[in-house]
Amino acid sequence: MQIGIPRAMSYYNYFPFWFGFFKELGIEVVLSDKTTKETMSKGSALVVSETCLPIKVYVGHILNLLDKGIDKIFVPSIQSIDHKIYNCSKIRGLPDLIKNVVKRKFTLIDPTLDKSEKNQGLYQFLKESVKVFGITDEKKIKLASKAGWKVLNNFKIMMNSGIPFEKALKFAKEGKVVIVNNQKEYPINVAVIAHGYNLYDDRVSMKIFDKLEKLDVKAFTAYMLPEEQLVEGLSALETNIYWANELEMAGAAGHYLQDNKIDGIITINAFGCGPDSIMVERIQRYSRKYNKPCLNLSIDEQTGEAGFVTRIEAFTDMLFRKKRANIINKIHIRETESISQPQKEEIPKA
């Protein structure tokens, strides 16, 4: 038994769970290959130009799985993750989109999760996910879900500790929890705010973490924060959660805007994304309130790496100069205060 999972969209949030869940049931998970220029081109060719980049990439990964000979592909419709907390319409309608644009024969496994509706909760969702394999035993499905949660929780623990995405995923799949303490001090700390599919897909993000590392800049992300801090971060932006992935954007930004060790904010969003445009505008507005420089990088399939790098270099250079000026200013203030202190008059000895 095999099931194909596209290495895109919800993969970056939930794949550890699906790996543990399907493995426990004896179902082999086959991933599409990592994103390439060809993946983007093939996906873009099947959808209208106004479609956002993550969806174009997702369609390209579906085609990649079909080219591998996988005839059962998992494309869930995640409508709502909690009461009145929704995904954007393109994520909610992914199964319908794939059915209409991919004209090849395969079995589309498209369970629906909608916690705002009755009878569309998690266990109903999981039962629909394995029904095509003839698995209906609820006890087995619940045991498999526990195995999935274990892998996902281990993955989150390692991500919270700052381990890179690929390493954390590898260790979690092996049933390990590895914590590495990075003692290196960086002169500049930056929060990189983006959805997982825009952040950890190397082709989409242009390997932004490697670029920042070369510039001697430490990157912080939403995945390094527990959910409690993400929820608290929303209050800093004076907003409430509505979108399913709002915590990893607005919540993370709100937290890091209040963090004194963070020197600046970089946001990455797909061109044409409605929810992101609202969240990024709010982040930029509140970054001025908290006096934190903010750089917004908008991406699509035409985004060139040269321009991407130039903007990051210019932004980090500005942060270095700003920090250097602040240090010099503090030293100057201390010296001025020392000089201006009144001198004690010496009393002549009799």
C-alpha atoms as a PDB file:
ATOM      1  CA  MET A   1       0.000   0.000   0.000  1.00  0.00           C
ATOM      2  CA  GLN A   2       1.374   3.375  -1.058  1.00  0.00           C
ATOM      3  CA  ILE A   3       0.173   6.940  -0.712  1.00  0.00           C
ATOM      4  CA  GLY A   4       1.713   9.959  -2.388  1.00  0.00           C
ATOM      5  CA  ILE A   5       2.073  13.248  -0.493  1.00  0.00           C
ATOM      6  CA  PRO A   6       3.090  16.448  -2.318  1.00  0.00           C
ATOM      7  CA  ARG A   7       6.099  18.191  -0.765  1.00  0.00           C
ATOM      8  CA  ALA A   8       4.208  21.492  -0.613  1.00  0.00           C
ATOM      9  CA  MET A   9       1.624  23.502   1.340  1.00  0.00           C
ATOM     10  CA  SER A  10       0.468  21.581   4.463  1.00  0.00           C
ATOM     11  CA  TYR A  11       3.458  19.216   4.168  1.00  0.00           C
ATOM     12  CA  TYR A  12       5.528  21.777   6.085  1.00  0.00           C
ATOM     13  CA  ASN A  13       3.096  21.797   9.019  1.00  0.00           C
ATOM     14  CA  TYR A  14       1.608  18.326   9.224  1.00  0.00           C
ATOM     15  CA  PHE A  15       3.815  15.819   7.395  1.00  0.00           C
ATOM     16  CA  PRO A  16       5.391  14.400  10.595  1.00  0.00           C
ATOM     17  CA  PHE A  17       1.880  13.459  11.754  1.00  0.00           C
ATOM     18  CA  TRP A  18       0.952  11.843   8.438  1.00  0.00           C
ATOM     19  CA  PHE A  19       4.222   9.930   8.328  1.00  0.00           C
ATOM     20  CA  GLY A  20       3.641   8.407  11.776  1.00  0.00           C
ATOM     21  CA  PHE A  21      -0.058   7.802  11.109  1.00  0.00           C
ATOM     22  CA  PHE A  22       0.295   6.019   7.771  1.00  0.00           C
ATOM     23  CA  LYS A  23       3.395   4.092   8.833  1.00  0.00           C
ATOM     24  CA  GLU A  24       1.531   2.667  11.854  1.00  0.00           C
ATOM     25  CA  LEU A  25      -1.145   1.366   9.469  1.00  0.00           C
ATOM     26  CA  GLY A  26       1.397  -0.247   7.141  1.00  0.00           C
ATOM     27  CA  ILE A  27       1.005   2.333   4.388  1.00  0.00           C
ATOM     28  CA  GLU A  28       4.177   3.500   2.675  1.00  0.00           C
ATOM     29  CA  VAL A  29       4.438   7.266   2.219  1.00  0.00           C
ATOM     30  CA  VAL A  30       6.005   8.446  -1.048  1.00  0.00           C
ATOM     31  CA  LEU A  31       7.011  12.110  -1.265  1.00  0.00           C
ATOM     32  CA  SER A  32       7.363  14.170  -4.404  1.00  0.00           C
ATOM     33  CA  ASP A  33      10.864  15.448  -5.174  1.00  0.00           C
ATOM     34  CA  LYS A  34      12.065  18.805  -3.906  1.00  0.00           C
ATOM     35  CA  THR A  35      10.858  21.884  -5.770  1.00  0.00           C
ATOM     36  CA  THR A  36      12.755  22.813  -8.922  1.00  0.00           C
ATOM     37  CA  LYS A  37      12.258  25.352 -11.666  1.00  0.00           C
ATOM     38  CA  GLU A  38      10.591  22.591 -13.684  1.00  0.00           C
ATOM     39  CA  THR A  39       8.146  21.911 -10.820  1.00  0.00           C
ATOM     40  CA  MET A  40       7.092  25.563 -10.889  1.00  0.00           C
ATOM     41  CA  SER A  41       6.842  25.692 -14.670  1.00  0.00           C
ATOM     42  CA  LYS A  42       4.703  22.567 -14.991  1.00  0.00           C
ATOM     43  CA  GLY A  43       2.374  23.669 -12.191  1.00  0.00           C
ATOM     44  CA  SER A  44       2.059  27.204 -13.563  1.00  0.00           C
ATOM     45  CA  ALA A  45       1.139  25.875 -17.006  1.00  0.00           C
ATOM     46  CA  LEU A  46      -2.063  24.258 -15.685  1.00  0.00           C
ATOM     47  CA  VAL A  47      -3.566  27.130 -13.690  1.00  0.00           C
ATOM     48  CA  VAL A  48      -4.548  30.728 -14.394  1.00  0.00           C
ATOM     49  CA  SER A  49      -1.808  33.306 -13.969  1.00  0.00           C
ATOM     50  CA  GLU A  50      -3.534  34.959 -10.968  1.00  0.00           C
ATOM     51  CA  THR A  51      -3.059  31.785  -8.898  1.00  0.00           C
ATOM     52  CA  CYS A  52      -0.577  32.289  -6.054  1.00  0.00           C
ATOM     53  CA  LEU A  53       2.873  30.684  -6.199  1.00  0.00           C
ATOM     54  CA  PRO A  54       2.318  28.040  -3.439  1.00  0.00           C
ATOM     55  CA  ILE A  55      -0.657  26.595  -5.354  1.00  0.00           C
ATOM     56  CA  LYS A  56       1.314  26.514  -8.619  1.00  0.00           C
ATOM     57  CA  VAL A  57       4.107  24.678  -6.787  1.00  0.00           C
ATOM     58  CA  TYR A  58       1.562  22.256  -5.291  1.00  0.00           C
ATOM     59  CA  VAL A  59       0.167  21.364  -8.723  1.00  0.00           C
ATOM     60  CA  GLY A  60       3.726  20.778  -9.937  1.00  0.00           C
ATOM     61  CA  HIS A  61       4.303  18.324  -7.074  1.00  0.00           C
ATOM     62  CA  ILE A  62       1.121  16.423  -7.968  1.00  0.00           C
ATOM     63  CA  LEU A  63       2.490  15.972 -11.496  1.00  0.00           C
ATOM     64  CA  ASN A  64       5.834  14.835 -10.067  1.00  0.00           C
ATOM     65  CA  LEU A  65       4.123  12.086  -8.051  1.00  0.00           C
ATOM     66  CA  LEU A  66       2.189  10.933 -11.113  1.00  0.00           C
ATOM     67  CA  ASP A  67       5.440  10.784 -13.096  1.00  0.00           C
ATOM     68  CA  LYS A  68       6.772   8.484 -10.365  1.00  0.00           C
ATOM     69  CA  GLY A  69       3.880   6.104 -10.971  1.00  0.00           C
ATOM     70  CA  ILE A  70       2.006   6.865  -7.731  1.00  0.00           C
ATOM     71  CA  ASP A  71      -1.708   6.300  -8.343  1.00  0.00           C
ATOM     72  CA  LYS A  72      -3.079   7.301  -4.904  1.00  0.00           C
ATOM     73  CA  ILE A  73      -2.371  10.896  -3.880  1.00  0.00           C
ATOM     74  CA  PHE A  74      -3.363  12.557  -0.620  1.00  0.00           C
ATOM     75  CA  VAL A  75      -4.934  16.010  -1.124  1.00  0.00           C
ATOM     76  CA  PRO A  76      -6.898  16.919   2.028  1.00  0.00           C
ATOM     77  CA  SER A  77      -9.416  19.732   2.171  1.00  0.00           C
ATOM     78  CA  ILE A  78      -8.607  21.501   5.446  1.00  0.00           C
ATOM     79  CA  GLN A  79     -11.509  23.907   5.798  1.00  0.00           C
ATOM     80  CA  SER A  80     -11.311  24.890   9.458  1.00  0.00           C
ATOM     81  CA  ILE A  81      -8.806  23.914  12.174  1.00  0.00           C
ATOM     82  CA  ASP A  82     -11.009  25.196  15.017  1.00  0.00           C
ATOM     83  CA  HIS A  83     -14.371  26.857  15.514  1.00  0.00           C
ATOM     84  CA  LYS A  84     -14.558  29.761  13.046  1.00  0.00           C
ATOM     85  CA  ILE A  85     -10.835  29.629  12.228  1.00  0.00           C
ATOM     86  CA  TYR A  86     -10.579  29.073   8.470  1.00  0.00           C
ATOM     87  CA  ASN A  87      -8.046  28.434   5.743  1.00  0.00           C
ATOM     88  CA  CYS A  88      -7.974  30.580   2.638  1.00  0.00           C
ATOM     89  CA  SER A  89     -10.303  29.567  -0.191  1.00  0.00           C
ATOM     90  CA  LYS A  90      -7.504  28.140  -2.354  1.00  0.00           C
ATOM     91  CA  ILE A  91      -6.386  25.734   0.379  1.00  0.00           C
ATOM     92  CA  ARG A  92      -9.978  24.782   1.145  1.00  0.00           C
ATOM     93  CA  GLY A  93     -10.663  24.045  -2.495  1.00  0.00           C
ATOM     94  CA  LEU A  94      -7.423  22.205  -3.316  1.00  0.00           C
ATOM     95  CA  PRO A  95      -9.074  18.828  -4.154  1.00  0.00           C
ATOM     96  CA  ASP A  96     -11.506  20.495  -6.576  1.00  0.00           C
ATOM     97  CA  LEU A  97      -8.683  22.459  -8.173  1.00  0.00           C
ATOM     98  CA  ILE A  98      -6.585  19.325  -8.716  1.00  0.00           C
ATOM     99  CA  LYS A  99      -9.568  17.390 -10.146  1.00  0.00           C
ATOM    100  CA  ASN A 100     -10.183  20.148 -12.686  1.00  0.00           C
ATOM    101  CA  VAL A 101      -6.648  20.932 -13.847  1.00  0.00           C
ATOM    102  CA  VAL A 102      -4.867  17.542 -13.716  1.00  0.00           C
ATOM    103  CA  LYS A 103      -6.346  15.426 -16.512  1.00  0.00           C
ATOM    104  CA  ARG A 104      -4.615  12.150 -15.680  1.00  0.00           C
ATOM    105  CA  LYS A 105      -5.976   8.965 -14.134  1.00  0.00           C
ATOM    106  CA  PHE A 106      -5.257   8.507 -10.430  1.00  0.00           C
ATOM    107  CA  THR A 107      -7.109   8.127  -7.133  1.00  0.00           C
ATOM    108  CA  LEU A 108      -7.481  11.405  -5.288  1.00  0.00           C
ATOM    109  CA  ILE A 109      -7.783  10.898  -1.524  1.00  0.00           C
ATOM    110  CA  ASP A 110      -9.546  14.071  -0.389  1.00  0.00           C
ATOM    111  CA  PRO A 111     -10.845  13.883   3.206  1.00  0.00           C
ATOM    112  CA  THR A 112     -12.401  17.029   4.687  1.00  0.00           C
ATOM    113  CA  LEU A 113     -11.508  18.543   8.053  1.00  0.00           C
ATOM    114  CA  ASP A 114     -13.919  21.236   9.193  1.00  0.00           C
ATOM    115  CA  LYS A 115     -14.082  21.814  12.930  1.00  0.00           C
ATOM    116  CA  SER A 116     -16.673  24.526  12.428  1.00  0.00           C
ATOM    117  CA  GLU A 117     -19.163  21.879  11.253  1.00  0.00           C
ATOM    118  CA  LYS A 118     -20.606  18.768  12.881  1.00  0.00           C
ATOM    119  CA  ASN A 119     -19.394  15.295  11.830  1.00  0.00           C
ATOM    120  CA  GLN A 120     -16.267  16.648  10.122  1.00  0.00           C
ATOM    121  CA  GLY A 121     -13.860  16.446  13.052  1.00  0.00           C
ATOM    122  CA  LEU A 122     -10.440  14.815  13.268  1.00  0.00           C
ATOM    123  CA  TYR A 123     -11.426  11.130  13.559  1.00  0.00           C
ATOM    124  CA  GLN A 124     -13.942  11.371  10.734  1.00  0.00           C
ATOM    125  CA  PHE A 125     -11.184  13.031   8.720  1.00  0.00           C
ATOM    126  CA  LEU A 126      -8.728  10.218   9.526  1.00  0.00           C
ATOM    127  CA  LYS A 127     -11.263   7.507   8.652  1.00  0.00           C
ATOM    128  CA  GLU A 128     -11.831   9.122   5.252  1.00  0.00           C
ATOM    129  CA  SER A 129      -8.056   9.276   4.734  1.00  0.00           C
ATOM    130  CA  VAL A 130      -7.610   5.462   4.876  1.00  0.00           C
ATOM    131  CA  LYS A 131     -10.991   4.271   3.622  1.00  0.00           C
ATOM    132  CA  VAL A 132      -9.580   3.651   0.131  1.00  0.00           C
ATOM    133  CA  PHE A 133      -7.159   1.113   1.637  1.00  0.00           C
ATOM    134  CA  GLY A 134     -10.000  -0.858   3.222  1.00  0.00           C
ATOM    135  CA  ILE A 135      -9.011   0.199   6.757  1.00  0.00           C
ATOM    136  CA  THR A 136     -12.110   0.801   8.882  1.00  0.00           C
ATOM    137  CA  ASP A 137     -11.140  -0.443  12.353  1.00  0.00           C
ATOM    138  CA  GLU A 138     -11.555   2.610  14.599  1.00  0.00           C
ATOM    139  CA  LYS A 139      -9.211   1.251  17.286  1.00  0.00           C
ATOM    140  CA  LYS A 140      -6.420   0.856  14.744  1.00  0.00           C
ATOM    141  CA  ILE A 141      -7.062   4.336  13.397  1.00  0.00           C
ATOM    142  CA  LYS A 142      -6.946   5.877  16.895  1.00  0.00           C
ATOM    143  CA  LEU A 143      -3.713   4.023  17.708  1.00  0.00           C
ATOM    144  CA  ALA A 144      -2.242   5.238  14.426  1.00  0.00           C
ATOM    145  CA  SER A 145      -3.254   8.806  15.268  1.00  0.00           C
ATOM    146  CA  LYS A 146      -1.343   8.534  18.569  1.00  0.00           C
ATOM    147  CA  ALA A 147       1.723   7.411  16.637  1.00  0.00           C
ATOM    148  CA  GLY A 148       1.283  10.417  14.352  1.00  0.00           C
ATOM    149  CA  TRP A 149       0.989  12.861  17.243  1.00  0.00           C
ATOM    150  CA  LYS A 150       4.139  11.436  18.794  1.00  0.00           C
ATOM    151  CA  VAL A 151       6.183  12.075  15.649  1.00  0.00           C
ATOM    152  CA  LEU A 152       4.684  15.564  15.251  1.00  0.00           C
ATOM    153  CA  ASN A 153       5.313  16.516  18.888  1.00  0.00           C
ATOM    154  CA  ASN A 154       8.940  15.344  18.687  1.00  0.00           C
ATOM    155  CA  PHE A 155       9.339  17.380  15.507  1.00  0.00           C
ATOM    156  CA  LYS A 156       7.932  20.511  17.182  1.00  0.00           C
ATOM    157  CA  ILE A 157      10.209  20.109  20.213  1.00  0.00           C
ATOM    158  CA  MET A 158      13.254  20.076  17.960  1.00  0.00           C
ATOM    159  CA  MET A 159      12.017  22.975  15.838  1.00  0.00           C
ATOM    160  CA  ASN A 160      11.384  25.010  19.010  1.00  0.00           C
ATOM    161  CA  SER A 161      14.996  24.393  20.020  1.00  0.00           C
ATOM    162  CA  GLY A 162      16.226  25.895  16.742  1.00  0.00           C
ATOM    163  CA  ILE A 163      17.175  22.739  14.820  1.00  0.00           C
ATOM    164  CA  PRO A 164      16.830  23.244  11.012  1.00  0.00           C
ATOM    165  CA  PHE A 165      13.655  21.897   9.398  1.00  0.00           C
ATOM    166  CA  GLU A 166      15.218  19.020   7.445  1.00  0.00           C
ATOM    167  CA  LYS A 167      17.248  17.763  10.414  1.00  0.00           C
ATOM    168  CA  ALA A 168      14.276  17.968  12.789  1.00  0.00           C
ATOM    169  CA  LEU A 169      12.132  16.038  10.297  1.00  0.00           C
ATOM    170  CA  LYS A 170      14.802  13.370   9.795  1.00  0.00           C
ATOM    171  CA  PHE A 171      15.234  12.781  13.546  1.00  0.00           C
ATOM    172  CA  ALA A 172      11.463  12.775  14.150  1.00  0.00           C
ATOM    173  CA  LYS A 173      10.929  10.121  11.459  1.00  0.00           C
ATOM    174  CA  GLU A 174      13.610   8.014  13.148  1.00  0.00           C
ATOM    175  CA  GLY A 175      11.800   8.331  16.483  1.00  0.00           C
ATOM    176  CA  LYS A 176      14.537  10.521  17.987  1.00  0.00           C
ATOM    177  CA  VAL A 177      14.569  13.817  19.839  1.00  0.00           C
ATOM    178  CA  VAL A 178      17.929  15.576  19.425  1.00  0.00           C
ATOM    179  CA  ILE A 179      18.547  18.950  21.046  1.00  0.00           C
ATOM    180  CA  VAL A 180      21.608  20.939  19.957  1.00  0.00           C
ATOM    181  CA  ASN A 181      22.633  24.026  21.916  1.00  0.00           C
ATOM    182  CA  ASN A 182      24.056  26.643  19.576  1.00  0.00           C
ATOM    183  CA  GLN A 183      26.267  28.894  21.662  1.00  0.00           C
ATOM    184  CA  LYS A 184      27.418  31.082  18.779  1.00  0.00           C
ATOM    185  CA  GLU A 185      26.698  34.776  19.246  1.00  0.00           C
ATOM    186  CA  TYR A 186      25.582  36.788  16.220  1.00  0.00           C
ATOM    187  CA  PRO A 187      25.924  40.571  15.902  1.00  0.00           C
ATOM    188  CA  ILE A 188      22.486  40.830  14.281  1.00  0.00           C
ATOM    189  CA  ASN A 189      19.260  38.895  14.992  1.00  0.00           C
ATOM    190  CA  VAL A 190      16.383  38.909  12.507  1.00  0.00           C
ATOM    191  CA  ALA A 191      12.903  37.365  12.653  1.00  0.00           C
ATOM    192  CA  VAL A 192      11.905  35.797   9.323  1.00  0.00           C
ATOM    193  CA  ILE A 193       8.104  35.742   9.162  1.00  0.00           C
ATOM    194  CA  ALA A 194       6.475  33.465   6.575  1.00  0.00           C
ATOM    195  CA  HIS A 195       4.341  30.363   6.157  1.00  0.00           C
ATOM    196  CA  GLY A 196       6.256  27.101   6.259  1.00  0.00           C
ATOM    197  CA  TYR A 197       5.734  26.466   2.548  1.00  0.00           C
ATOM    198  CA  ASN A 198       7.325  29.833   1.697  1.00  0.00           C
ATOM    199  CA  LEU A 199      10.058  29.488   4.299  1.00  0.00           C
ATOM    200  CA  TYR A 200      11.410  25.940   4.168  1.00  0.00           C
ATOM    201  CA  ASP A 201      11.059  25.233   0.455  1.00  0.00           C
ATOM    202  CA  ASP A 202      14.602  26.096  -0.675  1.00  0.00           C
ATOM    203  CA  ARG A 203      13.543  26.947  -4.236  1.00  0.00           C
ATOM    204  CA  VAL A 204      10.757  29.266  -3.113  1.00  0.00           C
ATOM    205  CA  SER A 205      12.692  31.000  -0.311  1.00  0.00           C
ATOM    206  CA  MET A 206      15.959  31.078  -2.308  1.00  0.00           C
ATOM    207  CA  LYS A 207      17.701  29.424   0.690  1.00  0.00           C
ATOM    208  CA  ILE A 208      17.261  32.558   2.766  1.00  0.00           C
ATOM    209  CA  PHE A 209      18.693  30.947   5.915  1.00  0.00           C
ATOM    210  CA  ASP A 210      21.980  30.162   4.162  1.00  0.00           C
ATOM    211  CA  LYS A 211      22.159  33.715   2.841  1.00  0.00           C
ATOM    212  CA  LEU A 212      21.579  35.231   6.285  1.00  0.00           C
ATOM    213  CA  GLU A 213      24.156  32.881   7.837  1.00  0.00           C
ATOM    214  CA  LYS A 214      26.774  34.081   5.321  1.00  0.00           C
ATOM    215  CA  LEU A 215      25.950  37.662   6.336  1.00  0.00           C
ATOM    216  CA  ASP A 216      26.553  36.716  10.007  1.00  0.00           C
ATOM    217  CA  VAL A 217      22.857  37.164  10.836  1.00  0.00           C
ATOM    218  CA  LYS A 218      20.878  34.833  13.111  1.00  0.00           C
ATOM    219  CA  ALA A 219      17.376  33.985  11.855  1.00  0.00           C
ATOM    220  CA  PHE A 220      14.411  33.354  14.155  1.00  0.00           C
ATOM    221  CA  THR A 221      11.079  31.921  12.978  1.00  0.00           C
ATOM    222  CA  ALA A 222       7.574  31.117  14.221  1.00  0.00           C
ATOM    223  CA  TYR A 223       8.612  27.474  14.496  1.00  0.00           C
ATOM    224  CA  MET A 224      10.977  28.381  17.347  1.00  0.00           C
ATOM    225  CA  LEU A 225       8.057  29.553  19.485  1.00  0.00           C
ATOM    226  CA  PRO A 226       5.503  27.523  21.472  1.00  0.00           C
ATOM    227  CA  GLU A 227       1.843  28.137  20.660  1.00  0.00           C
ATOM    228  CA  GLU A 228       1.304  30.152  23.865  1.00  0.00           C
ATOM    229  CA  GLN A 229       3.825  32.784  22.775  1.00  0.00           C
ATOM    230  CA  LEU A 230       2.330  32.915  19.279  1.00  0.00           C
ATOM    231  CA  VAL A 231      -1.130  33.535  20.735  1.00  0.00           C
ATOM    232  CA  GLU A 232       0.261  36.258  23.015  1.00  0.00           C
ATOM    233  CA  GLY A 233       1.938  37.821  19.978  1.00  0.00           C
ATOM    234  CA  LEU A 234      -1.455  38.515  18.403  1.00  0.00           C
ATOM    235  CA  SER A 235      -2.273  40.928  21.222  1.00  0.00           C
ATOM    236  CA  ALA A 236       0.794  43.016  20.335  1.00  0.00           C
ATOM    237  CA  LEU A 237      -0.751  43.562  16.905  1.00  0.00           C
ATOM    238  CA  GLU A 238      -4.170  44.155  18.490  1.00  0.00           C
ATOM    239  CA  THR A 239      -5.878  41.474  16.430  1.00  0.00           C
ATOM    240  CA  ASN A 240      -7.713  38.168  16.854  1.00  0.00           C
ATOM    241  CA  ILE A 241      -7.079  34.922  15.002  1.00  0.00           C
ATOM    242  CA  TYR A 242      -9.291  34.274  11.988  1.00  0.00           C
ATOM    243  CA  TRP A 243      -7.043  32.580   9.432  1.00  0.00           C
ATOM    244  CA  ALA A 244      -5.791  29.059  10.183  1.00  0.00           C
ATOM    245  CA  ASN A 245      -2.153  30.009   9.590  1.00  0.00           C
ATOM    246  CA  GLU A 246      -2.326  33.456  11.178  1.00  0.00           C
ATOM    247  CA  LEU A 247      -0.271  32.461  14.223  1.00  0.00           C
ATOM    248  CA  GLU A 248       2.842  31.754  12.151  1.00  0.00           C
ATOM    249  CA  MET A 249       2.572  35.222  10.578  1.00  0.00           C
ATOM    250  CA  ALA A 250       0.875  37.780  12.833  1.00  0.00           C
ATOM    251  CA  GLY A 251       1.453  35.856  16.068  1.00  0.00           C
ATOM    252  CA  ALA A 252       5.167  35.351  15.445  1.00  0.00           C
ATOM    253  CA  ALA A 253       5.646  38.936  14.261  1.00  0.00           C
ATOM    254  CA  GLY A 254       3.858  40.294  17.343  1.00  0.00           C
ATOM    255  CA  HIS A 255       6.111  38.275  19.625  1.00  0.00           C
ATOM    256  CA  TYR A 256       9.368  39.254  17.920  1.00  0.00           C
ATOM    257  CA  LEU A 257       8.412  42.937  17.680  1.00  0.00           C
ATOM    258  CA  GLN A 258       8.418  42.989  21.498  1.00  0.00           C
ATOM    259  CA  ASP A 259      11.686  41.043  21.763  1.00  0.00           C
ATOM    260  CA  ASN A 260      14.580  43.417  22.437  1.00  0.00           C
ATOM    261  CA  LYS A 261      17.193  41.041  21.009  1.00  0.00           C
ATOM    262  CA  ILE A 262      15.515  41.104  17.569  1.00  0.00           C
ATOM    263  CA  ASP A 263      16.975  43.877  15.395  1.00  0.00           C
ATOM    264  CA  GLY A 264      14.612  43.637  12.426  1.00  0.00           C
ATOM    265  CA  ILE A 265      11.767  41.760  10.731  1.00  0.00           C
ATOM    266  CA  ILE A 266      11.749  40.136   7.284  1.00  0.00           C
ATOM    267  CA  THR A 267       8.394  38.987   5.902  1.00  0.00           C
ATOM    268  CA  ILE A 268       8.055  36.674   2.894  1.00  0.00           C
ATOM    269  CA  ASN A 269       4.683  36.370   1.190  1.00  0.00           C
ATOM    270  CA  ALA A 270       3.402  35.130  -2.135  1.00  0.00           C
ATOM    271  CA  PHE A 271       2.313  37.791  -4.604  1.00  0.00           C
ATOM    272  CA  GLY A 272      -1.468  37.925  -4.803  1.00  0.00           C
ATOM    273  CA  CYS A 273      -2.148  36.248  -1.445  1.00  0.00           C
ATOM    274  CA  GLY A 274      -5.171  38.014   0.079  1.00  0.00           C
ATOM    275  CA  PRO A 275      -4.815  36.959   3.746  1.00  0.00           C
ATOM    276  CA  ASP A 276      -1.055  37.602   3.709  1.00  0.00           C
ATOM    277  CA  SER A 277      -1.464  41.101   2.274  1.00  0.00           C
ATOM    278  CA  ILE A 278      -3.675  42.013   5.256  1.00  0.00           C
ATOM    279  CA  MET A 279      -1.312  40.470   7.805  1.00  0.00           C
ATOM    280  CA  VAL A 280       1.859  41.953   6.273  1.00  0.00           C
ATOM    281  CA  GLU A 281       0.317  45.439   6.175  1.00  0.00           C
ATOM    282  CA  ARG A 282      -0.507  45.180   9.897  1.00  0.00           C
ATOM    283  CA  ILE A 283       2.993  43.863  10.686  1.00  0.00           C
ATOM    284  CA  GLN A 284       4.596  46.779   8.828  1.00  0.00           C
ATOM    285  CA  ARG A 285       2.364  49.287  10.604  1.00  0.00           C
ATOM    286  CA  TYR A 286       3.172  47.945  14.058  1.00  0.00           C
ATOM    287  CA  SER A 287       6.880  47.588  13.276  1.00  0.00           C
ATOM    288  CA  ARG A 288       6.976  51.390  13.111  1.00  0.00           C
ATOM    289  CA  LYS A 289       5.259  51.554  16.495  1.00  0.00           C
ATOM    290  CA  TYR A 290       7.902  49.253  18.015  1.00  0.00           C
ATOM    291  CA  ASN A 291      10.729  50.965  16.082  1.00  0.00           C
ATOM    292  CA  LYS A 292      11.800  47.740  14.329  1.00  0.00           C
ATOM    293  CA  PRO A 293      12.901  47.944  10.670  1.00  0.00           C
ATOM    294  CA  CYS A 294      10.786  45.702   8.437  1.00  0.00           C
ATOM    295  CA  LEU A 295      11.538  44.317   4.966  1.00  0.00           C
ATOM    296  CA  ASN A 296       8.803  42.674   2.910  1.00  0.00           C
ATOM    297  CA  LEU A 297       9.821  40.215   0.176  1.00  0.00           C
ATOM    298  CA  SER A 298       7.016  39.357  -2.241  1.00  0.00           C
ATOM    299  CA  ILE A 299       7.640  36.237  -4.345  1.00  0.00           C
ATOM    300  CA  ASP A 300       6.271  34.597  -7.476  1.00  0.00           C
ATOM    301  CA  GLU A 301       7.659  32.256 -10.136  1.00  0.00           C
ATOM    302  CA  GLN A 302       9.383  35.204 -11.850  1.00  0.00           C
ATOM    303  CA  THR A 303      11.296  36.351  -8.765  1.00  0.00           C
ATOM    304  CA  GLY A 304      15.019  36.530  -9.516  1.00  0.00           C
ATOM    305  CA  GLU A 305      17.626  35.484  -6.989  1.00  0.00           C
ATOM    306  CA  ALA A 306      19.896  38.465  -7.704  1.00  0.00           C
ATOM    307  CA  GLY A 307      17.300  41.047  -6.713  1.00  0.00           C
ATOM    308  CA  PHE A 308      16.278  38.925  -3.720  1.00  0.00           C
ATOM    309  CA  VAL A 309      19.874  38.815  -2.443  1.00  0.00           C
ATOM    310  CA  THR A 310      20.463  42.524  -3.067  1.00  0.00           C
ATOM    311  CA  ARG A 311      17.480  43.522  -0.920  1.00  0.00           C
ATOM    312  CA  ILE A 312      18.512  41.212   1.933  1.00  0.00           C
ATOM    313  CA  GLU A 313      22.101  42.513   1.844  1.00  0.00           C
ATOM    314  CA  ALA A 314      20.944  46.138   1.842  1.00  0.00           C
ATOM    315  CA  PHE A 315      18.547  45.490   4.733  1.00  0.00           C
ATOM    316  CA  THR A 316      21.092  43.685   6.907  1.00  0.00           C
ATOM    317  CA  ASP A 317      23.714  46.327   6.135  1.00  0.00           C
ATOM    318  CA  MET A 318      21.273  48.966   7.390  1.00  0.00           C
ATOM    319  CA  LEU A 319      20.708  46.930  10.584  1.00  0.00           C
ATOM    320  CA  PHE A 320      24.481  46.716  11.182  1.00  0.00           C
ATOM    321  CA  ARG A 321      24.890  50.479  10.727  1.00  0.00           C
ATOM    322  CA  LYS A 322      21.873  51.207  12.942  1.00  0.00           C
ATOM    323  CA  LYS A 323      23.199  48.980  15.732  1.00  0.00           C
ATOM    324  CA  ARG A 324      26.705  50.451  15.442  1.00  0.00           C
ATOM    325  CA  ALA A 325      25.287  53.973  15.647  1.00  0.00           C
ATOM    326  CA  ASN A 326      23.262  53.081  18.745  1.00  0.00           C
ATOM    327  CA  ILE A 327      26.342  51.666  20.478  1.00  0.00           C
ATOM    328  CA  ILE A 328      28.440  54.729  19.626  1.00  0.00           C
ATOM    329  CA  ASN A 329      25.621  57.006  20.808  1.00  0.00           C
ATOM    330  CA  LYS A 330      25.394  55.221  24.166  1.00  0.00           C
ATOM    331  CA  ILE A 331      29.150  55.479  24.679  1.00  0.00           C
ATOM    332  CA  HIS A 332      29.000  59.194  23.831  1.00  0.00           C
ATOM    333  CA  ILE A 333      26.160  59.763  26.332  1.00  0.00           C
ATOM    334  CA  ARG A 334      28.065  57.982  29.104  1.00  0.00           C
ATOM    335  CA  GLU A 335      31.204  60.057  28.422  1.00  0.00           C
ATOM    336  CA  THR A 336      29.186  63.295  28.390  1.00  0.00           C
ATOM    337  CA  GLU A 337      27.512  62.429  31.674  1.00  0.00           C
ATOM    338  CA  SER A 338      30.906  61.690  33.227  1.00  0.00           C
ATOM    339  CA  ILE A 339      32.401  64.996  32.094  1.00  0.00           C
ATOM    340  CA  SER A 340      29.401  67.054  33.173  1.00  0.00           C
ATOM    341  CA  GLN A 341      29.385  65.763  36.744  1.00  0.00           C
ATOM    342  CA  PRO A 342      30.338  68.580  39.192  1.00  0.00           C
ATOM    343  CA  GLN A 343      33.834  68.268  40.607  1.00  0.00           C
ATOM    344  CA  LYS A 344      34.139  68.059  44.384  1.00  0.00           C
ATOM    345  CA  GLU A 345      36.078  70.946  45.860  1.00  0.00           C
ATOM    346  CA  GLU A 346      39.054  69.911  47.932  1.00  0.00           C
ATOM    347  CA  ILE A 347      39.147  71.430  51.444  1.00  0.00           C
ATOM    348  CA  PRO A 348      42.643  72.808  52.089  1.00  0.00           C
ATOM    349  CA  LYS A 349      44.437  71.247  54.996  1.00  0.00           C
ATOM    350  CA  ALA A 350      45.064  73.519  58.001  1.00  0.00           C
END
